[in-house]
Amino acid sequence: MARIRVAACQINTVVGDLDGNAARVLAALEQAEAAGADVALFPELAITGYPPEDLLLKPGFIADNLAVLQRVAAATRACAAVVGYVDADRDLYNAAAVCAQGRIVGRYHKRLLPNYAVFDEQRYFAPGIEPLTLFRIAGVDCGVSICEDAWSPTGPIADQAAGGAELVLNINASPYYAGRLVERERMLATRAADAGCVLAYVNQVGGQDELVFDGASLFMDANGEVIASAPQFEEDQLVVDLDVTPVFRKRLLDPRGRATAAALPTVLVTDSTRAPAELLPRRHAPALPPVEEVYRALVLGTHDYVTKNGFTDVVIALSGGIDSSLVACIAVDALGADHVHGVAMPSRYSSAGSESDAEKLALNLGIDFRTIAIEPAHAALLEMLEPSFAGLPADLTEENLQSRIRGVVNMALSNKLGWLVLTTGNKSEMAVGFSTLYGDTAGGFAVIKDVPKLLVFALCRARNERSADIPEAVLTKPPSAELRPDQRDDQSLPPYELLDPVLEAYVEGDQTAGELVEAGFDPELVRRVVRLVDLAEYKRRQTPPGVRVTPKAFGKDRRVPITNLYRG
């Protein structure tokens, strides 16, 4: 039996920050070296950050990434490192470098390139086609693979196991959505058990534009059982001692000693283990409750979008409603109360209760709060437009003026004070266009853009269990935009209990209107909702990015044409 000490380095990289990413890798490598690890694993494309998108079209970026990789390799000592980077050899490859003793010992090119959902890797990379090689680290024959390579039962892991791999090292940048952890663990368990290999899985952590990577790195034994796991949404280094039973002869010879498969060539990286006789204690990160998991993703995504883009402070329009209350809580938990600014902008239709609820929320959270009444601007604009509107009845135009004035005020504060505007629209509203273009959609980051309304309520209740900062009235009063007297959302939209299931099936499930009716949804409800969703596509194209927490968010996930007459 061979023992190997493996460090899964769950780091938060920044796309394009080559020097900064190298520093993060080297700091974690130094920690792994001090811990006596035989090999340290780093996420997919750790040098460039993931996903680098069209930065990959710049030859200078590729050259710089290769130069940085050489610096990282030169810093390796007894602890080997498996580092994600972009390789160039006539084509570009999503690659992993195996480094040790100051040099690059070998390379692996990702074979299975995802091209669905948020992934677009076939736009940039060629699939690896070079013969597979194993790497002997601390006397253990290791296969190296990258993310999607693990999702196919007939992919590289199966081939590496058949060729003699005893341990598979899989590096990842696997984005989060609700429930993804369970899916991922089930897949990895199947892959490890089918291969009969111990499997080490490291995942990136952190926010990148609308994507959030949840970490949750883990180790599986050859039976598909989790033997150690790292937390979600935190940087971490999980160091595990693995006792690996040599399986080379078992795999390649039948009971009579006859050859059944060809051994893969093996590259020697290091020949002896640094792991002592006594096993390290193994850590198991507890699974987060489903609602808490989503909340943590929103906090991390917001923190990283704000800070990675050079902002320190944010401003939120506080209406006294549930959406802006949730966004304020997320912002405080992401950035700290001193960096969050709330603005109440009452109009002639704002209720006293809404104004007091907004102020009470700000007081509970300990954030800066100010009131800027928009009625003078609203009245002035109505007067300016009156000659052009003469003889026409009041309608949405006058209502939307209020929202657009609020957008102007928020953007003025942003320009003058350097605060990033966080918008407060939820996924249900975004889906059906229940938002004002250049009004409540105006801003830099849409925190709950991918959070359906019913989940907004659940997140607020869960947040209040920790600290009752959201006034109870906010949780119980009927949702309203307060743009006309006694307005309620359910005057313009179906109740959210009916709306959200239809939206989930139509947007995330890609069902047609006919299929929704066949599934039992009310035909009139379906026709109404589908029409609203389709007509609002042009609005969604003009909204800021927001944290992705569902399997299909508006943006990269869903690319529906604006000009579109299909109504199936």
Protein backbone atom coordinates (compact mmCIF):
# COMPACT_ATOMS: atom_id res chain seq x y z
CA MET A 1 0.00 0.00 0.00
CA ALA A 2 1.30 3.45 -0.95
CA ARG A 3 0.60 6.64 0.98
CA ILE A 4 0.41 10.06 -0.65
CA ARG A 5 -0.42 13.43 0.90
CA VAL A 6 -2.54 15.61 -1.38
CA ALA A 7 -3.43 19.29 -0.87
CA ALA A 8 -6.56 20.56 -2.63
CA CYS A 9 -5.95 24.30 -2.93
CA GLN A 10 -9.36 25.94 -3.22
CA ILE A 11 -8.38 29.49 -4.22
CA ASN A 12 -10.24 32.57 -5.49
CA THR A 13 -8.63 33.68 -8.74
CA VAL A 14 -9.35 36.82 -10.78
CA VAL A 15 -9.73 36.66 -14.55
CA GLY A 16 -6.83 38.42 -16.26
CA ASP A 17 -4.85 39.01 -13.06
CA LEU A 18 -1.94 36.81 -14.13
CA ASP A 19 0.55 38.09 -11.57
CA GLY A 20 -2.03 38.11 -8.80
CA ASN A 21 -3.14 34.58 -9.63
CA ALA A 22 0.48 33.42 -9.63
CA ALA A 23 0.92 34.97 -6.19
CA ARG A 24 -2.19 33.13 -4.96
CA VAL A 25 -0.92 29.83 -6.35
CA LEU A 26 2.55 30.31 -4.87
CA ALA A 27 1.20 31.25 -1.45
CA ALA A 28 -0.97 28.13 -1.37
CA LEU A 29 1.90 26.02 -2.70
CA GLU A 30 4.14 27.27 0.11
CA GLN A 31 1.45 26.29 2.59
CA ALA A 32 1.17 22.83 1.03
CA GLU A 33 4.96 22.44 1.06
CA ALA A 34 5.01 23.31 4.76
CA ALA A 35 2.24 20.77 5.38
CA GLY A 36 4.40 18.04 3.87
CA ALA A 37 2.16 17.50 0.85
CA ASP A 38 3.41 15.38 -2.02
CA VAL A 39 1.24 17.21 -4.54
CA ALA A 40 -0.86 20.38 -4.51
CA LEU A 41 -3.86 20.73 -6.84
CA PHE A 42 -5.01 24.08 -8.20
CA PRO A 43 -8.20 24.94 -10.09
CA GLU A 44 -8.80 24.82 -13.81
CA LEU A 45 -7.16 27.79 -15.61
CA ALA A 46 -5.81 29.02 -12.28
CA ILE A 47 -3.20 31.14 -14.05
CA THR A 48 -5.69 33.07 -16.21
CA GLY A 49 -8.78 32.83 -14.05
CA TYR A 50 -11.95 31.20 -15.34
CA PRO A 51 -13.56 31.91 -17.75
CA PRO A 52 -11.14 34.21 -19.62
CA GLU A 53 -13.46 34.40 -22.63
CA ASP A 54 -12.20 36.61 -25.46
CA LEU A 55 -8.98 37.44 -23.65
CA LEU A 56 -7.98 34.14 -25.22
CA LEU A 57 -8.09 35.79 -28.64
CA LYS A 58 -5.13 38.01 -27.67
CA PRO A 59 -1.78 36.35 -28.52
CA GLY A 60 -0.06 38.54 -25.94
CA PHE A 61 -2.35 37.26 -23.20
CA ILE A 62 -1.51 33.66 -24.09
CA ALA A 63 2.23 34.41 -24.11
CA ASP A 64 2.01 36.18 -20.74
CA ASN A 65 0.10 33.26 -19.24
CA LEU A 66 2.83 30.86 -20.40
CA ALA A 67 5.53 33.07 -18.91
CA VAL A 68 3.71 33.19 -15.58
CA LEU A 69 3.37 29.40 -15.60
CA GLN A 70 7.15 29.10 -15.97
CA ARG A 71 7.57 31.32 -12.89
CA VAL A 72 5.23 29.10 -10.91
CA ALA A 73 7.00 25.95 -12.06
CA ALA A 74 10.39 27.40 -11.13
CA ALA A 75 9.16 27.90 -7.56
CA THR A 76 8.17 24.26 -7.02
CA ARG A 77 10.28 22.06 -4.76
CA ALA A 78 9.53 18.67 -3.21
CA CYS A 79 5.78 19.22 -3.40
CA ALA A 80 4.57 18.77 -6.96
CA ALA A 81 1.88 21.12 -8.31
CA VAL A 82 -0.91 20.51 -10.83
CA VAL A 83 -1.82 23.95 -12.19
CA GLY A 84 -4.44 24.98 -14.74
CA TYR A 85 -3.33 27.28 -17.58
CA VAL A 86 -3.75 27.88 -21.32
CA ASP A 87 -1.36 25.92 -23.51
CA ALA A 88 -0.49 26.87 -27.11
CA ASP A 89 0.71 24.36 -29.67
CA ARG A 90 -0.71 25.36 -33.06
CA ASP A 91 -4.09 25.43 -31.24
CA LEU A 92 -5.10 26.61 -27.79
CA TYR A 93 -5.75 24.06 -25.06
CA ASN A 94 -7.35 24.19 -21.65
CA ALA A 95 -4.43 22.53 -19.91
CA ALA A 96 -2.91 21.32 -16.66
CA ALA A 97 0.83 21.46 -15.99
CA VAL A 98 2.46 18.98 -13.63
CA CYS A 99 5.40 20.79 -12.04
CA ALA A 100 8.07 19.69 -9.57
CA GLN A 101 11.65 20.53 -8.57
CA GLY A 102 11.60 23.82 -10.46
CA ARG A 103 10.36 22.62 -13.84
CA ILE A 104 7.34 21.50 -15.84
CA VAL A 105 7.44 17.71 -15.86
CA GLY A 106 4.39 17.10 -18.03
CA ARG A 107 1.18 18.51 -19.47
CA TYR A 108 -2.40 17.37 -19.94
CA HIS A 109 -4.90 18.86 -22.40
CA LYS A 110 -8.61 18.82 -21.53
CA ARG A 111 -10.42 16.38 -23.83
CA LEU A 112 -14.11 17.08 -23.25
CA LEU A 113 -14.96 20.74 -23.87
CA PRO A 114 -18.37 21.82 -22.55
CA ASN A 115 -20.43 23.94 -24.91
CA TYR A 116 -23.78 24.28 -23.14
CA ALA A 117 -25.37 26.51 -20.50
CA VAL A 118 -22.72 29.11 -19.53
CA PHE A 119 -19.89 27.18 -21.18
CA ASP A 120 -18.45 28.17 -24.54
CA GLU A 121 -15.13 26.34 -24.56
CA GLN A 122 -15.31 25.08 -28.14
CA ARG A 123 -15.16 28.72 -29.24
CA TYR A 124 -11.63 28.95 -27.88
CA PHE A 125 -10.04 25.56 -27.31
CA ALA A 126 -9.20 22.44 -29.26
CA PRO A 127 -9.78 19.11 -27.47
CA GLY A 128 -6.74 17.22 -26.30
CA ILE A 129 -5.83 14.33 -28.57
CA GLU A 130 -2.34 13.44 -27.36
CA PRO A 131 -1.80 9.92 -25.94
CA LEU A 132 -2.68 9.68 -22.26
CA THR A 133 0.14 9.60 -19.75
CA LEU A 134 0.23 8.80 -16.05
CA PHE A 135 2.36 10.72 -13.56
CA ARG A 136 4.14 8.83 -10.77
CA ILE A 137 3.99 11.07 -7.71
CA ALA A 138 5.32 9.76 -4.40
CA GLY A 139 5.24 6.27 -5.87
CA VAL A 140 1.56 6.49 -6.88
CA ASP A 141 0.48 6.37 -10.53
CA CYS A 142 -1.80 9.37 -11.02
CA GLY A 143 -4.09 10.36 -13.84
CA VAL A 144 -4.73 14.06 -14.42
CA SER A 145 -8.02 15.38 -15.83
CA ILE A 146 -9.90 18.67 -16.05
CA CYS A 147 -13.50 19.35 -15.01
CA GLU A 148 -15.78 18.14 -17.83
CA ASP A 149 -13.48 15.17 -18.39
CA ALA A 150 -14.99 13.69 -15.24
CA TRP A 151 -18.61 14.00 -16.36
CA SER A 152 -18.46 11.30 -19.04
CA PRO A 153 -18.43 7.63 -17.95
CA THR A 154 -16.38 6.80 -21.05
CA GLY A 155 -14.03 9.77 -20.76
CA PRO A 156 -10.37 10.08 -19.80
CA ILE A 157 -10.80 8.87 -16.22
CA ALA A 158 -12.02 5.47 -17.41
CA ASP A 159 -9.10 5.25 -19.83
CA GLN A 160 -6.58 6.30 -17.18
CA ALA A 161 -7.96 3.72 -14.74
CA ALA A 162 -7.82 1.01 -17.38
CA GLY A 163 -4.22 2.00 -18.05
CA GLY A 164 -3.10 1.67 -14.44
CA ALA A 165 -4.03 4.90 -12.63
CA GLU A 166 -4.38 4.42 -8.87
CA LEU A 167 -5.34 8.04 -8.09
CA VAL A 168 -7.10 10.56 -10.34
CA LEU A 169 -6.35 14.26 -9.85
CA ASN A 170 -9.23 16.32 -11.26
CA ILE A 171 -8.97 20.15 -11.36
CA ASN A 172 -12.11 22.23 -11.86
CA ALA A 173 -13.85 25.54 -12.34
CA SER A 174 -17.38 24.28 -11.81
CA PRO A 175 -19.98 27.07 -11.43
CA TYR A 176 -22.62 26.95 -8.73
CA TYR A 177 -26.36 26.80 -8.95
CA ALA A 178 -28.84 25.61 -6.33
CA GLY A 179 -28.56 21.85 -5.91
CA ARG A 180 -25.33 21.58 -7.88
CA LEU A 181 -23.35 20.13 -4.98
CA VAL A 182 -25.57 17.04 -4.75
CA GLU A 183 -25.41 16.48 -8.52
CA ARG A 184 -21.64 16.86 -8.51
CA GLU A 185 -21.05 14.49 -5.59
CA ARG A 186 -23.30 11.86 -7.17
CA MET A 187 -21.39 12.07 -10.44
CA LEU A 188 -17.96 11.92 -8.78
CA ALA A 189 -19.01 8.95 -6.65
CA THR A 190 -20.04 7.08 -9.78
CA ARG A 191 -16.83 7.96 -11.56
CA ALA A 192 -14.61 6.87 -8.67
CA ALA A 193 -16.47 3.61 -8.14
CA ASP A 194 -16.55 2.76 -11.85
CA ALA A 195 -12.83 3.48 -12.17
CA GLY A 196 -11.91 1.75 -8.92
CA CYS A 197 -9.67 4.75 -8.18
CA VAL A 198 -9.29 7.23 -5.39
CA LEU A 199 -10.35 10.61 -6.77
CA ALA A 200 -9.14 14.05 -5.68
CA TYR A 201 -11.35 16.91 -6.84
CA VAL A 202 -10.42 20.59 -6.43
CA ASN A 203 -12.76 23.40 -7.42
CA GLN A 204 -12.35 27.13 -7.79
CA VAL A 205 -14.13 29.43 -5.37
CA GLY A 206 -15.31 33.01 -5.87
CA GLY A 207 -17.38 35.26 -8.09
CA GLN A 208 -16.67 36.14 -11.72
CA ASP A 209 -19.24 38.50 -13.23
CA GLU A 210 -22.54 36.55 -12.97
CA LEU A 211 -20.91 33.22 -12.13
CA VAL A 212 -20.17 31.99 -8.62
CA PHE A 213 -17.85 29.07 -7.96
CA ASP A 214 -18.61 27.32 -4.71
CA GLY A 215 -15.43 25.36 -4.03
CA ALA A 216 -16.59 22.27 -2.11
CA SER A 217 -13.43 20.37 -3.05
CA LEU A 218 -13.45 16.74 -1.96
CA PHE A 219 -11.78 13.34 -1.94
CA MET A 220 -13.56 10.11 -2.89
CA ASP A 221 -12.34 6.62 -2.11
CA ALA A 222 -12.40 3.85 -4.70
CA ASN A 223 -15.92 2.86 -3.55
CA GLY A 224 -17.33 6.31 -4.23
CA GLU A 225 -17.52 7.40 -0.60
CA VAL A 226 -16.56 10.96 0.41
CA ILE A 227 -13.59 10.76 2.76
CA ALA A 228 -12.91 14.51 3.16
CA SER A 229 -14.51 17.73 1.95
CA ALA A 230 -13.87 21.47 1.98
CA PRO A 231 -16.51 24.13 2.70
CA GLN A 232 -18.53 25.93 0.06
CA PHE A 233 -17.94 29.61 -0.73
CA GLU A 234 -14.66 29.90 1.21
CA GLU A 235 -11.00 29.73 0.26
CA ASP A 236 -9.53 26.63 1.84
CA GLN A 237 -6.69 24.14 1.66
CA LEU A 238 -7.79 20.58 2.30
CA VAL A 239 -4.80 18.30 2.99
CA VAL A 240 -5.49 14.57 3.05
CA ASP A 241 -3.34 11.47 3.45
CA LEU A 242 -4.48 8.79 1.02
CA ASP A 243 -3.61 5.12 1.37
CA VAL A 244 -3.72 3.89 -2.20
CA THR A 245 -3.76 0.16 -2.85
CA PRO A 246 -1.65 -0.67 -5.89
CA VAL A 247 -4.09 -1.81 -8.57
CA PHE A 248 -1.82 -1.85 -11.58
CA ARG A 249 -1.46 -5.60 -11.90
CA LYS A 250 -5.09 -6.21 -10.92
CA ARG A 251 -6.31 -3.99 -13.72
CA LEU A 252 -3.94 -5.10 -16.44
CA LEU A 253 -3.88 -8.85 -15.79
CA ASP A 254 -6.72 -11.34 -15.49
CA PRO A 255 -6.71 -14.00 -12.71
CA ARG A 256 -4.50 -16.24 -14.87
CA GLY A 257 -1.96 -13.48 -15.38
CA ARG A 258 -2.92 -12.77 -18.98
CA ALA A 259 -2.80 -9.18 -20.20
CA THR A 260 -6.23 -7.52 -20.47
CA ALA A 261 -5.22 -3.90 -21.20
CA ALA A 262 -2.18 -1.93 -22.18
CA ALA A 263 -0.39 0.03 -19.48
CA LEU A 264 -0.19 3.76 -20.07
CA PRO A 265 3.28 5.30 -20.16
CA THR A 266 4.30 6.85 -16.86
CA VAL A 267 6.32 10.00 -16.23
CA LEU A 268 8.28 10.06 -12.97
CA VAL A 269 7.56 13.21 -10.97
CA THR A 270 8.68 12.24 -7.46
CA ASP A 271 9.57 8.76 -6.23
CA SER A 272 9.01 8.86 -2.46
CA THR A 273 6.27 10.14 -0.20
CA ARG A 274 6.63 12.93 2.33
CA ALA A 275 3.60 11.73 4.30
CA PRO A 276 4.45 10.43 7.80
CA ALA A 277 3.14 7.17 9.19
CA GLU A 278 0.38 8.85 11.18
CA LEU A 279 -2.66 9.89 9.14
CA LEU A 280 -3.84 13.49 9.21
CA PRO A 281 -7.33 13.94 10.67
CA ARG A 282 -9.87 14.24 7.87
CA ARG A 283 -12.22 17.20 7.65
CA HIS A 284 -15.82 17.00 6.47
CA ALA A 285 -17.52 20.32 5.76
CA PRO A 286 -21.22 20.13 6.68
CA ALA A 287 -23.69 20.64 3.84
CA LEU A 288 -25.48 23.97 3.94
CA PRO A 289 -29.28 24.10 4.10
CA PRO A 290 -30.68 24.85 0.60
CA VAL A 291 -31.81 28.42 1.29
CA GLU A 292 -28.64 29.27 3.21
CA GLU A 293 -26.57 27.88 0.32
CA VAL A 294 -28.25 30.30 -2.11
CA TYR A 295 -27.80 33.19 0.30
CA ARG A 296 -24.08 32.47 0.68
CA ALA A 297 -23.73 32.37 -3.11
CA LEU A 298 -25.39 35.78 -3.41
CA VAL A 299 -23.13 37.25 -0.74
CA LEU A 300 -19.95 35.90 -2.32
CA GLY A 301 -20.99 36.89 -5.84
CA THR A 302 -21.81 40.41 -4.71
CA HIS A 303 -18.61 40.80 -2.69
CA ASP A 304 -16.38 39.67 -5.53
CA TYR A 305 -18.11 41.67 -8.24
CA VAL A 306 -17.84 44.85 -6.19
CA THR A 307 -14.29 44.41 -4.94
CA LYS A 308 -12.74 42.81 -8.03
CA ASN A 309 -14.00 45.75 -10.07
CA GLY A 310 -12.37 48.28 -7.76
CA PHE A 311 -15.39 49.54 -5.81
CA THR A 312 -15.60 49.85 -2.05
CA ASP A 313 -19.15 51.16 -1.51
CA VAL A 314 -22.60 50.50 -2.92
CA VAL A 315 -25.88 52.40 -2.99
CA ILE A 316 -29.36 50.87 -2.94
CA ALA A 317 -32.75 52.46 -3.48
CA LEU A 318 -34.68 51.44 -0.36
CA SER A 319 -38.40 51.37 -1.06
CA GLY A 320 -39.51 49.60 2.10
CA GLY A 321 -40.24 46.54 -0.04
CA ILE A 322 -38.97 43.01 0.30
CA ASP A 323 -36.63 43.02 -2.71
CA SER A 324 -34.63 46.08 -1.71
CA SER A 325 -34.56 44.81 1.89
CA LEU A 326 -32.98 41.53 0.78
CA VAL A 327 -30.43 43.30 -1.41
CA ALA A 328 -29.46 45.56 1.50
CA CYS A 329 -28.93 42.56 3.80
CA ILE A 330 -26.81 40.78 1.20
CA ALA A 331 -24.74 43.92 0.63
CA VAL A 332 -24.09 44.37 4.36
CA ASP A 333 -23.08 40.73 4.75
CA ALA A 334 -20.84 41.00 1.68
CA LEU A 335 -19.17 44.36 2.29
CA GLY A 336 -19.89 45.51 5.84
CA ALA A 337 -22.40 48.11 6.96
CA ASP A 338 -19.94 50.99 6.60
CA HIS A 339 -19.81 50.42 2.84
CA VAL A 340 -23.55 50.30 2.16
CA HIS A 341 -25.72 53.37 1.55
CA GLY A 342 -29.50 53.34 1.43
CA VAL A 343 -31.59 56.03 -0.27
CA ALA A 344 -35.32 56.47 0.14
CA MET A 345 -36.84 58.39 -2.76
CA PRO A 346 -40.51 58.91 -1.93
CA SER A 347 -43.02 60.18 -4.46
CA ARG A 348 -46.61 61.37 -4.08
CA TYR A 349 -47.72 57.70 -3.98
CA SER A 350 -45.25 56.39 -1.40
CA SER A 351 -46.96 55.25 1.77
CA ALA A 352 -45.83 56.38 5.19
CA GLY A 353 -45.39 52.71 6.11
CA SER A 354 -42.99 52.09 3.26
CA GLU A 355 -40.85 55.09 4.20
CA SER A 356 -40.73 54.05 7.85
CA ASP A 357 -39.95 50.44 6.93
CA ALA A 358 -37.01 51.56 4.81
CA GLU A 359 -35.68 53.75 7.59
CA LYS A 360 -36.12 51.00 10.19
CA LEU A 361 -34.28 48.49 7.99
CA ALA A 362 -31.37 50.91 7.58
CA LEU A 363 -31.25 51.52 11.32
CA ASN A 364 -31.28 47.78 12.04
CA LEU A 365 -28.49 47.15 9.56
CA GLY A 366 -26.46 50.12 10.73
CA ILE A 367 -26.06 51.59 7.24
CA ASP A 368 -25.94 55.18 6.01
CA PHE A 369 -29.47 56.32 5.14
CA ARG A 370 -30.77 59.42 3.43
CA THR A 371 -34.04 60.58 1.94
CA ILE A 372 -34.17 62.37 -1.41
CA ALA A 373 -37.76 63.18 -2.34
CA ILE A 374 -38.41 62.91 -6.07
CA GLU A 375 -41.73 64.78 -6.15
CA PRO A 376 -40.20 68.10 -7.28
CA ALA A 377 -38.57 66.38 -10.27
CA HIS A 378 -41.71 64.35 -10.97
CA ALA A 379 -43.90 67.45 -10.99
CA ALA A 380 -41.42 69.34 -13.16
CA LEU A 381 -41.26 66.56 -15.74
CA LEU A 382 -45.03 66.26 -15.89
CA GLU A 383 -45.23 69.99 -16.49
CA MET A 384 -42.54 69.81 -19.19
CA LEU A 385 -44.33 67.00 -20.98
CA GLU A 386 -47.87 68.31 -20.55
CA PRO A 387 -48.02 70.06 -23.96
CA SER A 388 -46.98 66.87 -25.71
CA PHE A 389 -49.32 64.71 -23.62
CA ALA A 390 -52.32 67.04 -23.84
CA GLY A 391 -55.59 65.17 -24.32
CA LEU A 392 -54.05 61.77 -23.62
CA PRO A 393 -55.05 59.74 -20.53
CA ALA A 394 -52.51 59.06 -17.81
CA ASP A 395 -50.99 55.58 -18.04
CA LEU A 396 -47.74 53.71 -17.48
CA THR A 397 -45.82 56.68 -18.86
CA GLU A 398 -46.46 58.79 -15.79
CA GLU A 399 -45.82 55.83 -13.49
CA ASN A 400 -42.50 55.01 -15.11
CA LEU A 401 -41.30 58.61 -14.85
CA GLN A 402 -40.99 58.09 -11.10
CA SER A 403 -38.83 55.01 -11.46
CA ARG A 404 -36.63 56.72 -14.05
CA ILE A 405 -36.13 59.73 -11.78
CA ARG A 406 -34.95 57.34 -9.06
CA GLY A 407 -32.53 55.79 -11.53
CA VAL A 408 -31.12 59.23 -12.35
CA VAL A 409 -30.69 60.07 -8.67
CA ASN A 410 -28.91 56.81 -7.92
CA MET A 411 -26.60 57.23 -10.90
CA ALA A 412 -25.82 60.80 -9.85
CA LEU A 413 -24.80 59.56 -6.40
CA SER A 414 -22.71 56.88 -8.08
CA ASN A 415 -20.93 59.39 -10.33
CA LYS A 416 -20.27 61.91 -7.58
CA LEU A 417 -19.39 59.58 -4.71
CA GLY A 418 -18.02 56.51 -6.51
CA TRP A 419 -20.68 54.14 -5.21
CA LEU A 420 -21.76 51.17 -7.32
CA VAL A 421 -25.54 51.06 -7.78
CA LEU A 422 -27.09 47.72 -6.82
CA THR A 423 -30.45 47.17 -8.51
CA THR A 424 -33.20 45.29 -6.72
CA GLY A 425 -35.30 43.52 -9.36
CA ASN A 426 -35.93 39.78 -8.91
CA LYS A 427 -36.13 37.04 -11.55
CA SER A 428 -39.92 36.90 -11.62
CA GLU A 429 -40.11 40.61 -12.43
CA MET A 430 -37.27 40.42 -14.94
CA ALA A 431 -38.96 37.49 -16.66
CA VAL A 432 -42.24 39.26 -17.35
CA GLY A 433 -40.84 42.77 -17.84
CA PHE A 434 -42.37 44.10 -14.61
CA SER A 435 -39.60 46.66 -14.38
CA THR A 436 -38.83 50.08 -15.80
CA LEU A 437 -36.07 50.31 -18.36
CA TYR A 438 -33.60 53.04 -17.33
CA GLY A 439 -35.41 53.21 -13.99
CA ASP A 440 -35.22 50.43 -11.42
CA THR A 441 -33.10 48.46 -13.91
CA ALA A 442 -30.43 51.18 -14.01
CA GLY A 443 -27.29 50.27 -12.12
CA GLY A 444 -24.08 48.30 -12.02
CA PHE A 445 -25.02 44.94 -10.52
CA ALA A 446 -28.37 43.14 -10.19
CA VAL A 447 -27.91 41.12 -7.01
CA ILE A 448 -31.15 39.09 -7.09
CA LYS A 449 -31.65 39.06 -10.86
CA ASP A 450 -31.77 35.23 -10.80
CA VAL A 451 -33.85 34.86 -7.63
CA PRO A 452 -37.58 34.14 -8.13
CA LYS A 453 -39.99 36.10 -5.96
CA LEU A 454 -41.02 33.17 -3.76
CA LEU A 455 -37.36 32.47 -3.05
CA VAL A 456 -36.91 36.15 -2.14
CA PHE A 457 -39.42 35.64 0.67
CA ALA A 458 -37.68 32.44 1.81
CA LEU A 459 -34.27 34.14 1.82
CA CYS A 460 -35.58 37.06 3.86
CA ARG A 461 -37.16 34.77 6.44
CA ALA A 462 -33.96 32.76 6.71
CA ARG A 463 -31.90 35.94 7.09
CA ASN A 464 -34.22 37.15 9.84
CA GLU A 465 -33.73 33.90 11.75
CA ARG A 466 -30.10 34.93 12.13
CA SER A 467 -30.83 38.59 12.87
CA ALA A 468 -34.29 40.10 12.65
CA ASP A 469 -33.20 43.14 10.62
CA ILE A 470 -36.02 43.12 8.08
CA PRO A 471 -39.18 44.65 9.59
CA GLU A 472 -42.04 42.19 9.88
CA ALA A 473 -44.31 44.50 7.88
CA VAL A 474 -42.00 44.09 4.89
CA LEU A 475 -42.55 40.33 4.99
CA THR A 476 -46.33 40.50 5.29
CA LYS A 477 -47.57 43.44 3.24
CA PRO A 478 -48.66 42.84 -0.39
CA PRO A 479 -45.82 43.61 -2.85
CA SER A 480 -46.25 46.96 -4.62
CA ALA A 481 -44.24 49.27 -6.85
CA GLU A 482 -46.21 52.24 -5.41
CA LEU A 483 -46.33 54.11 -8.71
CA ARG A 484 -50.07 54.83 -8.49
CA PRO A 485 -52.61 54.97 -5.65
CA ASP A 486 -53.11 51.65 -3.83
CA GLN A 487 -51.09 49.74 -6.43
CA ARG A 488 -50.33 46.04 -5.85
CA ASP A 489 -48.27 43.63 -7.96
CA ASP A 490 -51.19 41.20 -8.27
CA GLN A 491 -53.17 43.84 -10.17
CA SER A 492 -50.70 43.54 -13.05
CA LEU A 493 -49.36 40.02 -12.57
CA PRO A 494 -50.71 36.62 -11.55
CA PRO A 495 -50.06 35.78 -7.90
CA TYR A 496 -46.43 34.73 -7.50
CA GLU A 497 -47.55 31.30 -6.27
CA LEU A 498 -48.98 30.74 -9.76
CA LEU A 499 -46.44 32.79 -11.73
CA ASP A 500 -43.16 31.31 -10.45
CA PRO A 501 -43.90 27.65 -11.36
CA VAL A 502 -44.86 28.65 -14.92
CA LEU A 503 -41.71 30.76 -15.26
CA GLU A 504 -39.52 27.93 -13.98
CA ALA A 505 -40.98 25.49 -16.51
CA TYR A 506 -40.85 27.96 -19.42
CA VAL A 507 -37.48 29.63 -18.74
CA GLU A 508 -35.44 26.95 -16.98
CA GLY A 509 -37.25 23.89 -18.35
CA ASP A 510 -37.47 25.22 -21.94
CA GLN A 511 -41.01 23.91 -22.29
CA THR A 512 -43.27 25.37 -24.96
CA ALA A 513 -46.63 26.93 -24.19
CA GLY A 514 -48.34 23.80 -25.54
CA GLU A 515 -46.27 21.56 -23.32
CA LEU A 516 -47.09 23.70 -20.28
CA VAL A 517 -50.81 23.36 -20.96
CA GLU A 518 -50.41 19.59 -21.41
CA ALA A 519 -48.59 19.52 -18.06
CA GLY A 520 -51.70 20.93 -16.38
CA PHE A 521 -51.08 24.68 -16.20
CA ASP A 522 -54.06 26.93 -16.86
CA PRO A 523 -54.12 27.76 -20.62
CA GLU A 524 -54.95 31.43 -20.13
CA LEU A 525 -52.24 31.81 -17.48
CA VAL A 526 -49.72 30.17 -19.81
CA ARG A 527 -50.62 32.39 -22.79
CA ARG A 528 -50.36 35.49 -20.67
CA VAL A 529 -47.05 34.61 -19.02
CA VAL A 530 -45.38 33.36 -22.19
CA ARG A 531 -46.33 36.53 -24.03
CA LEU A 532 -44.95 38.72 -21.24
CA VAL A 533 -41.67 36.78 -21.09
CA ASP A 534 -41.12 36.93 -24.84
CA LEU A 535 -41.94 40.62 -25.13
CA ALA A 536 -39.53 41.53 -22.31
CA GLU A 537 -36.43 40.04 -23.96
CA TYR A 538 -35.25 43.46 -25.17
CA LYS A 539 -35.41 44.78 -21.62
CA ARG A 540 -33.36 41.95 -20.17
CA ARG A 541 -30.60 42.53 -22.73
CA GLN A 542 -30.12 45.99 -21.23
CA THR A 543 -29.97 45.05 -17.57
CA PRO A 544 -26.78 44.68 -15.52
CA PRO A 545 -25.27 41.28 -14.70
CA GLY A 546 -26.36 39.50 -11.56
CA VAL A 547 -25.49 36.42 -9.52
CA ARG A 548 -26.49 33.12 -11.15
CA VAL A 549 -28.15 30.74 -8.66
CA THR A 550 -30.48 28.68 -10.90
CA PRO A 551 -29.65 26.18 -13.64
CA LYS A 552 -30.67 28.71 -16.30
CA ALA A 553 -30.27 32.41 -15.66
CA PHE A 554 -31.03 35.29 -18.01
CA GLY A 555 -27.79 36.09 -19.79
CA LYS A 556 -25.21 33.55 -20.95
CA ASP A 557 -27.52 30.65 -20.15
CA ARG A 558 -30.48 31.77 -22.20
CA ARG A 559 -29.90 33.36 -25.60
CA VAL A 560 -33.33 33.93 -27.10
CA PRO A 561 -33.63 36.32 -30.06
CA ILE A 562 -35.35 39.62 -29.39
CA THR A 563 -37.07 39.55 -32.78
CA ASN A 564 -38.95 36.29 -32.39
CA LEU A 565 -42.48 35.31 -33.38
CA TYR A 566 -42.45 31.68 -32.21
CA ARG A 567 -45.28 31.09 -29.74
CA GLY A 568 -45.34 27.27 -29.53
